[in-house]
């Protein structure tokens, strides 16, 4: 005896699974937020805005390596915000290096450099930064500023006034500090102390400066 195949009813509702699939397709993708730590500071990164936010604590390693280890591409960082009191690491080179899309900082007054002994290559390759006011930074313990702004090719304005006031260290090196800041035209060195500086080799090589007023630069306490 032949069995007739079941008749398909076009009025039957679609399977539930298909309905769920449709809702997933139509749903808006959530923002990708990554959370991790650098030293004792907890940070979050918003991949949609490029904002990297640090919470209260002390950093322990260069940011690009720390992000890479957490699965975040350093070049995607566009802004850094310090939400609480954040201390720089004691002796870490290249702190902000290779953040090639970093264009600025928010709440930079919450970032303290009181424990820092090296700022060597801190801004190496930060080719999107154009304006920096670091006049509030404490550099009294820093012994190396070598290549600090090397390759910051979009930097036009930099304020380092009062740097070195109250310096408590000797054998300070500033070789190639501003090297290859080819767009730099406005450099504020008012009351910039060079006390105990033993090296300034190639300090201003290949900058955009056409003149430099160092009349208020002090070489003694």
C-alpha atoms as a PDB file:
ATOM      1  CA  UNK A   1       0.000   0.000   0.000  1.00  0.00           C
ATOM      2  CA  UNK A   2       1.406   3.348  -1.010  1.00  0.00           C
ATOM      3  CA  UNK A   3       1.647   6.069   1.612  1.00  0.00           C
ATOM      4  CA  UNK A   4       1.012   9.591   0.403  1.00  0.00           C
ATOM      5  CA  UNK A   5       3.573  12.212   1.538  1.00  0.00           C
ATOM      6  CA  UNK A   6       2.354  14.771   4.081  1.00  0.00           C
ATOM      7  CA  UNK A   7       0.884  17.922   2.654  1.00  0.00           C
ATOM      8  CA  UNK A   8       2.905  21.049   3.478  1.00  0.00           C
ATOM      9  CA  UNK A   9       0.867  23.771   5.094  1.00  0.00           C
ATOM     10  CA  UNK A  10       2.206  27.167   4.025  1.00  0.00           C
ATOM     11  CA  UNK A  11       0.244  28.776   6.850  1.00  0.00           C
ATOM     12  CA  UNK A  12       2.250  27.040   9.551  1.00  0.00           C
ATOM     13  CA  UNK A  13       4.528  29.327  11.596  1.00  0.00           C
ATOM     14  CA  UNK A  14       8.251  29.235  10.873  1.00  0.00           C
ATOM     15  CA  UNK A  15      10.321  27.056  13.182  1.00  0.00           C
ATOM     16  CA  UNK A  16      11.385  28.818  16.353  1.00  0.00           C
ATOM     17  CA  UNK A  17      15.044  28.354  15.477  1.00  0.00           C
ATOM     18  CA  UNK A  18      14.636  30.381  12.291  1.00  0.00           C
ATOM     19  CA  UNK A  19      12.942  33.148  14.212  1.00  0.00           C
ATOM     20  CA  UNK A  20      15.838  33.276  16.673  1.00  0.00           C
ATOM     21  CA  UNK A  21      18.335  33.445  13.848  1.00  0.00           C
ATOM     22  CA  UNK A  22      16.542  36.390  12.335  1.00  0.00           C
ATOM     23  CA  UNK A  23      16.543  38.275  15.634  1.00  0.00           C
ATOM     24  CA  UNK A  24      20.274  37.701  16.024  1.00  0.00           C
ATOM     25  CA  UNK A  25      20.962  39.072  12.564  1.00  0.00           C
ATOM     26  CA  UNK A  26      18.861  42.147  13.250  1.00  0.00           C
ATOM     27  CA  UNK A  27      20.329  42.796  16.707  1.00  0.00           C
ATOM     28  CA  UNK A  28      22.976  45.507  17.009  1.00  0.00           C
ATOM     29  CA  UNK A  29      26.446  44.215  17.795  1.00  0.00           C
ATOM     30  CA  UNK A  30      27.583  45.066  21.336  1.00  0.00           C
ATOM     31  CA  UNK A  31      30.525  47.400  21.859  1.00  0.00           C
ATOM     32  CA  UNK A  32      33.784  45.559  22.371  1.00  0.00           C
ATOM     33  CA  UNK A  33      35.166  46.470  25.786  1.00  0.00           C
ATOM     34  CA  UNK A  34      38.391  44.891  27.016  1.00  0.00           C
ATOM     35  CA  UNK A  35      39.402  45.061  30.689  1.00  0.00           C
ATOM     36  CA  UNK A  36      42.781  44.137  32.140  1.00  0.00           C
ATOM     37  CA  UNK A  37      45.504  45.483  34.428  1.00  0.00           C
ATOM     38  CA  UNK A  38      48.863  47.188  34.103  1.00  0.00           C
ATOM     39  CA  UNK A  39      50.608  46.989  37.443  1.00  0.00           C
ATOM     40  CA  UNK A  40      48.008  47.888  40.052  1.00  0.00           C
ATOM     41  CA  UNK A  41      45.942  50.004  37.664  1.00  0.00           C
ATOM     42  CA  UNK A  42      42.868  48.447  36.050  1.00  0.00           C
ATOM     43  CA  UNK A  43      42.225  49.641  32.515  1.00  0.00           C
ATOM     44  CA  UNK A  44      39.426  49.371  29.984  1.00  0.00           C
ATOM     45  CA  UNK A  45      39.634  49.774  26.222  1.00  0.00           C
ATOM     46  CA  UNK A  46      36.658  50.670  24.035  1.00  0.00           C
ATOM     47  CA  UNK A  47      37.354  49.461  20.507  1.00  0.00           C
ATOM     48  CA  UNK A  48      34.523  51.616  19.130  1.00  0.00           C
ATOM     49  CA  UNK A  49      35.936  54.940  20.319  1.00  0.00           C
ATOM     50  CA  UNK A  50      39.595  54.010  20.761  1.00  0.00           C
ATOM     51  CA  UNK A  51      39.494  55.234  24.366  1.00  0.00           C
ATOM     52  CA  UNK A  52      41.909  53.624  26.831  1.00  0.00           C
ATOM     53  CA  UNK A  53      41.024  54.442  30.452  1.00  0.00           C
ATOM     54  CA  UNK A  54      43.235  53.800  33.471  1.00  0.00           C
ATOM     55  CA  UNK A  55      41.995  53.535  37.043  1.00  0.00           C
ATOM     56  CA  UNK A  56      43.850  54.382  40.248  1.00  0.00           C
ATOM     57  CA  UNK A  57      47.150  52.572  40.731  1.00  0.00           C
ATOM     58  CA  UNK A  58      50.738  52.422  39.461  1.00  0.00           C
ATOM     59  CA  UNK A  59      51.678  51.246  35.985  1.00  0.00           C
ATOM     60  CA  UNK A  60      54.373  48.571  35.747  1.00  0.00           C
ATOM     61  CA  UNK A  61      55.134  48.102  32.042  1.00  0.00           C
ATOM     62  CA  UNK A  62      55.098  49.826  28.663  1.00  0.00           C
ATOM     63  CA  UNK A  63      51.569  50.198  27.404  1.00  0.00           C
ATOM     64  CA  UNK A  64      51.987  48.695  23.922  1.00  0.00           C
ATOM     65  CA  UNK A  65      53.304  45.377  25.260  1.00  0.00           C
ATOM     66  CA  UNK A  66      50.655  45.286  27.969  1.00  0.00           C
ATOM     67  CA  UNK A  67      47.858  45.809  25.436  1.00  0.00           C
ATOM     68  CA  UNK A  68      49.253  43.247  23.016  1.00  0.00           C
ATOM     69  CA  UNK A  69      49.363  40.618  25.747  1.00  0.00           C
ATOM     70  CA  UNK A  70      45.678  41.332  26.425  1.00  0.00           C
ATOM     71  CA  UNK A  71      44.726  40.934  22.774  1.00  0.00           C
ATOM     72  CA  UNK A  72      44.405  44.654  21.984  1.00  0.00           C
ATOM     73  CA  UNK A  73      46.193  46.249  19.027  1.00  0.00           C
ATOM     74  CA  UNK A  74      48.205  49.251  20.345  1.00  0.00           C
ATOM     75  CA  UNK A  75      47.719  51.192  17.105  1.00  0.00           C
ATOM     76  CA  UNK A  76      43.938  51.300  17.783  1.00  0.00           C
ATOM     77  CA  UNK A  77      44.317  53.547  20.841  1.00  0.00           C
ATOM     78  CA  UNK A  78      43.209  57.107  20.023  1.00  0.00           C
ATOM     79  CA  UNK A  79      42.820  58.708  23.461  1.00  0.00           C
ATOM     80  CA  UNK A  80      44.131  57.914  26.935  1.00  0.00           C
ATOM     81  CA  UNK A  81      42.161  58.957  30.002  1.00  0.00           C
ATOM     82  CA  UNK A  82      43.306  58.771  33.620  1.00  0.00           C
ATOM     83  CA  UNK A  83      40.160  58.295  35.706  1.00  0.00           C
ATOM     84  CA  UNK A  84      41.937  58.263  39.062  1.00  0.00           C
ATOM     85  CA  UNK A  85      45.353  58.948  40.539  1.00  0.00           C
ATOM     86  CA  UNK A  86      47.733  56.984  38.309  1.00  0.00           C
ATOM     87  CA  UNK A  87      51.493  56.788  38.948  1.00  0.00           C
ATOM     88  CA  UNK A  88      54.026  56.218  36.198  1.00  0.00           C
ATOM     89  CA  UNK A  89      56.313  53.192  36.574  1.00  0.00           C
ATOM     90  CA  UNK A  90      59.678  53.728  38.223  1.00  0.00           C
ATOM     91  CA  UNK A  91      62.084  52.744  35.451  1.00  0.00           C
ATOM     92  CA  UNK A  92      60.287  51.759  32.249  1.00  0.00           C
ATOM     93  CA  UNK A  93      61.331  53.015  28.815  1.00  0.00           C
ATOM     94  CA  UNK A  94      58.942  53.460  25.857  1.00  0.00           C
ATOM     95  CA  UNK A  95      55.876  53.977  28.079  1.00  0.00           C
ATOM     96  CA  UNK A  96      53.601  55.423  25.352  1.00  0.00           C
ATOM     97  CA  UNK A  97      55.705  54.256  22.391  1.00  0.00           C
ATOM     98  CA  UNK A  98      54.129  52.870  19.220  1.00  0.00           C
ATOM     99  CA  UNK A  99      50.642  54.186  19.958  1.00  0.00           C
ATOM    100  CA  UNK A 100      50.586  55.540  16.430  1.00  0.00           C
ATOM    101  CA  UNK A 101      46.956  56.794  16.489  1.00  0.00           C
ATOM    102  CA  UNK A 102      47.137  58.386  19.944  1.00  0.00           C
ATOM    103  CA  UNK A 103      45.995  61.976  19.478  1.00  0.00           C
ATOM    104  CA  UNK A 104      45.675  63.178  23.056  1.00  0.00           C
ATOM    105  CA  UNK A 105      45.174  62.663  26.781  1.00  0.00           C
ATOM    106  CA  UNK A 106      42.210  63.358  29.048  1.00  0.00           C
ATOM    107  CA  UNK A 107      42.643  64.236  32.742  1.00  0.00           C
ATOM    108  CA  UNK A 108      46.432  64.252  32.375  1.00  0.00           C
ATOM    109  CA  UNK A 109      46.570  66.046  35.732  1.00  0.00           C
ATOM    110  CA  UNK A 110      45.687  62.681  37.332  1.00  0.00           C
ATOM    111  CA  UNK A 111      48.892  61.136  35.983  1.00  0.00           C
ATOM    112  CA  UNK A 112      51.905  61.483  38.310  1.00  0.00           C
ATOM    113  CA  UNK A 113      55.563  61.010  37.359  1.00  0.00           C
ATOM    114  CA  UNK A 114      56.854  61.453  40.907  1.00  0.00           C
ATOM    115  CA  UNK A 115      58.501  58.004  40.980  1.00  0.00           C
ATOM    116  CA  UNK A 116      59.834  57.947  37.421  1.00  0.00           C
ATOM    117  CA  UNK A 117      63.591  57.658  36.929  1.00  0.00           C
ATOM    118  CA  UNK A 118      63.544  57.154  33.159  1.00  0.00           C
ATOM    119  CA  UNK A 119      61.495  58.750  30.388  1.00  0.00           C
ATOM    120  CA  UNK A 120      63.654  57.401  27.591  1.00  0.00           C
ATOM    121  CA  UNK A 121      61.665  56.937  24.341  1.00  0.00           C
ATOM    122  CA  UNK A 122      58.366  57.501  26.146  1.00  0.00           C
ATOM    123  CA  UNK A 123      56.733  59.038  23.051  1.00  0.00           C
ATOM    124  CA  UNK A 124      58.744  57.217  20.396  1.00  0.00           C
ATOM    125  CA  UNK A 125      56.611  56.795  17.289  1.00  0.00           C
ATOM    126  CA  UNK A 126      53.505  58.562  18.632  1.00  0.00           C
ATOM    127  CA  UNK A 127      53.042  60.054  15.196  1.00  0.00           C
ATOM    128  CA  UNK A 128      49.495  61.424  15.733  1.00  0.00           C
ATOM    129  CA  UNK A 129      50.151  63.613  18.788  1.00  0.00           C
ATOM    130  CA  UNK A 130      50.197  67.316  17.910  1.00  0.00           C
ATOM    131  CA  UNK A 131      50.023  69.213  21.225  1.00  0.00           C
ATOM    132  CA  UNK A 132      51.453  68.249  24.624  1.00  0.00           C
ATOM    133  CA  UNK A 133      51.531  70.275  27.815  1.00  0.00           C
ATOM    134  CA  UNK A 134      53.725  68.378  30.262  1.00  0.00           C
ATOM    135  CA  UNK A 135      54.653  71.384  32.381  1.00  0.00           C
ATOM    136  CA  UNK A 136      53.012  69.833  35.432  1.00  0.00           C
ATOM    137  CA  UNK A 137      55.144  66.685  35.390  1.00  0.00           C
ATOM    138  CA  UNK A 138      57.587  66.010  38.213  1.00  0.00           C
ATOM    139  CA  UNK A 139      60.953  65.051  36.661  1.00  0.00           C
ATOM    140  CA  UNK A 140      63.176  65.557  39.706  1.00  0.00           C
ATOM    141  CA  UNK A 141      64.215  61.867  39.792  1.00  0.00           C
ATOM    142  CA  UNK A 142      64.592  61.304  36.046  1.00  0.00           C
ATOM    143  CA  UNK A 143      68.115  60.524  34.820  1.00  0.00           C
ATOM    144  CA  UNK A 144      67.321  59.685  31.181  1.00  0.00           C
ATOM    145  CA  UNK A 145      65.291  61.708  28.693  1.00  0.00           C
ATOM    146  CA  UNK A 146      67.092  60.179  25.707  1.00  0.00           C
ATOM    147  CA  UNK A 147      65.008  59.927  22.535  1.00  0.00           C
ATOM    148  CA  UNK A 148      61.956  60.875  24.588  1.00  0.00           C
ATOM    149  CA  UNK A 149      60.003  62.426  21.674  1.00  0.00           C
ATOM    150  CA  UNK A 150      61.854  60.674  18.864  1.00  0.00           C
ATOM    151  CA  UNK A 151      59.675  60.210  15.808  1.00  0.00           C
ATOM    152  CA  UNK A 152      56.690  62.166  17.161  1.00  0.00           C
ATOM    153  CA  UNK A 153      56.399  63.595  13.667  1.00  0.00           C
ATOM    154  CA  UNK A 154      53.079  65.460  14.108  1.00  0.00           C
ATOM    155  CA  UNK A 155      54.040  67.209  17.352  1.00  0.00           C
ATOM    156  CA  UNK A 156      53.838  70.968  16.789  1.00  0.00           C
ATOM    157  CA  UNK A 157      53.533  72.388  20.316  1.00  0.00           C
ATOM    158  CA  UNK A 158      55.298  71.180  23.449  1.00  0.00           C
ATOM    159  CA  UNK A 159      55.404  72.790  26.887  1.00  0.00           C
ATOM    160  CA  UNK A 160      58.175  71.640  29.247  1.00  0.00           C
ATOM    161  CA  UNK A 161      58.361  74.768  31.387  1.00  0.00           C
ATOM    162  CA  UNK A 162      59.764  74.337  34.912  1.00  0.00           C
ATOM    163  CA  UNK A 163      61.210  70.921  34.095  1.00  0.00           C
ATOM    164  CA  UNK A 164      64.094  69.990  36.345  1.00  0.00           C
ATOM    165  CA  UNK A 165      63.271  72.448  39.107  1.00  0.00           C
ATOM    166  CA  UNK A 166      64.362  70.783  42.359  1.00  0.00           C
ATOM    167  CA  UNK A 167      66.298  68.020  40.571  1.00  0.00           C
ATOM    168  CA  UNK A 168      67.766  65.537  43.077  1.00  0.00           C
ATOM    169  CA  UNK A 169      69.747  63.301  40.703  1.00  0.00           C
ATOM    170  CA  UNK A 170      73.065  63.565  38.866  1.00  0.00           C
ATOM    171  CA  UNK A 171      74.342  62.323  35.498  1.00  0.00           C
ATOM    172  CA  UNK A 172      71.215  63.304  33.595  1.00  0.00           C
ATOM    173  CA  UNK A 173      71.143  62.477  29.879  1.00  0.00           C
ATOM    174  CA  UNK A 174      69.124  64.314  27.224  1.00  0.00           C
ATOM    175  CA  UNK A 175      70.725  63.022  24.016  1.00  0.00           C
ATOM    176  CA  UNK A 176      68.405  63.094  20.968  1.00  0.00           C
ATOM    177  CA  UNK A 177      65.532  64.136  23.236  1.00  0.00           C
ATOM    178  CA  UNK A 178      63.646  66.023  20.475  1.00  0.00           C
ATOM    179  CA  UNK A 179      65.192  64.253  17.499  1.00  0.00           C
ATOM    180  CA  UNK A 180      62.995  63.867  14.406  1.00  0.00           C
ATOM    181  CA  UNK A 181      60.140  65.980  15.739  1.00  0.00           C
ATOM    182  CA  UNK A 182      60.016  67.460  12.276  1.00  0.00           C
ATOM    183  CA  UNK A 183      56.757  69.413  12.818  1.00  0.00           C
ATOM    184  CA  UNK A 184      57.770  70.941  16.158  1.00  0.00           C
ATOM    185  CA  UNK A 185      57.653  74.750  15.896  1.00  0.00           C
ATOM    186  CA  UNK A 186      56.586  75.809  19.398  1.00  0.00           C
ATOM    187  CA  UNK A 187      58.755  74.565  22.275  1.00  0.00           C
ATOM    188  CA  UNK A 188      58.387  76.189  25.699  1.00  0.00           C
ATOM    189  CA  UNK A 189      61.559  75.762  27.784  1.00  0.00           C
ATOM    190  CA  UNK A 190      60.858  78.536  30.283  1.00  0.00           C
ATOM    191  CA  UNK A 191      62.783  77.780  33.499  1.00  0.00           C
ATOM    192  CA  UNK A 192      63.944  74.473  32.004  1.00  0.00           C
ATOM    193  CA  UNK A 193      66.779  73.301  34.258  1.00  0.00           C
ATOM    194  CA  UNK A 194      69.875  71.641  32.845  1.00  0.00           C
ATOM    195  CA  UNK A 195      71.500  71.189  36.227  1.00  0.00           C
ATOM    196  CA  UNK A 196      73.587  67.982  36.330  1.00  0.00           C
ATOM    197  CA  UNK A 197      72.901  67.249  32.650  1.00  0.00           C
ATOM    198  CA  UNK A 198      75.980  65.520  31.213  1.00  0.00           C
ATOM    199  CA  UNK A 199      74.765  64.778  27.675  1.00  0.00           C
ATOM    200  CA  UNK A 200      72.740  66.856  25.184  1.00  0.00           C
ATOM    201  CA  UNK A 201      74.129  65.277  22.006  1.00  0.00           C
ATOM    202  CA  UNK A 202      71.852  65.635  18.948  1.00  0.00           C
ATOM    203  CA  UNK A 203      69.163  66.988  21.258  1.00  0.00           C
ATOM    204  CA  UNK A 204      67.508  69.124  18.570  1.00  0.00           C
ATOM    205  CA  UNK A 205      68.433  67.195  15.411  1.00  0.00           C
ATOM    206  CA  UNK A 206      65.843  67.374  12.648  1.00  0.00           C
ATOM    207  CA  UNK A 207      63.190  69.339  14.517  1.00  0.00           C
ATOM    208  CA  UNK A 208      60.907  71.896  12.903  1.00  0.00           C
ATOM    209  CA  UNK A 209      62.325  74.682  15.066  1.00  0.00           C
ATOM    210  CA  UNK A 210      63.658  77.675  13.165  1.00  0.00           C
ATOM    211  CA  UNK A 211      64.795  79.442  16.329  1.00  0.00           C
ATOM    212  CA  UNK A 212      65.070  78.558  19.996  1.00  0.00           C
ATOM    213  CA  UNK A 213      64.878  81.025  22.871  1.00  0.00           C
ATOM    214  CA  UNK A 214      66.875  79.516  25.725  1.00  0.00           C
ATOM    215  CA  UNK A 215      67.354  82.802  27.553  1.00  0.00           C
ATOM    216  CA  UNK A 216      65.268  81.624  30.487  1.00  0.00           C
ATOM    217  CA  UNK A 217      66.830  78.163  30.585  1.00  0.00           C
ATOM    218  CA  UNK A 218      68.711  77.738  33.843  1.00  0.00           C
ATOM    219  CA  UNK A 219      71.888  75.742  34.277  1.00  0.00           C
ATOM    220  CA  UNK A 220      72.062  76.041  38.068  1.00  0.00           C
ATOM    221  CA  UNK A 221      69.687  75.774  40.958  1.00  0.00           C
END
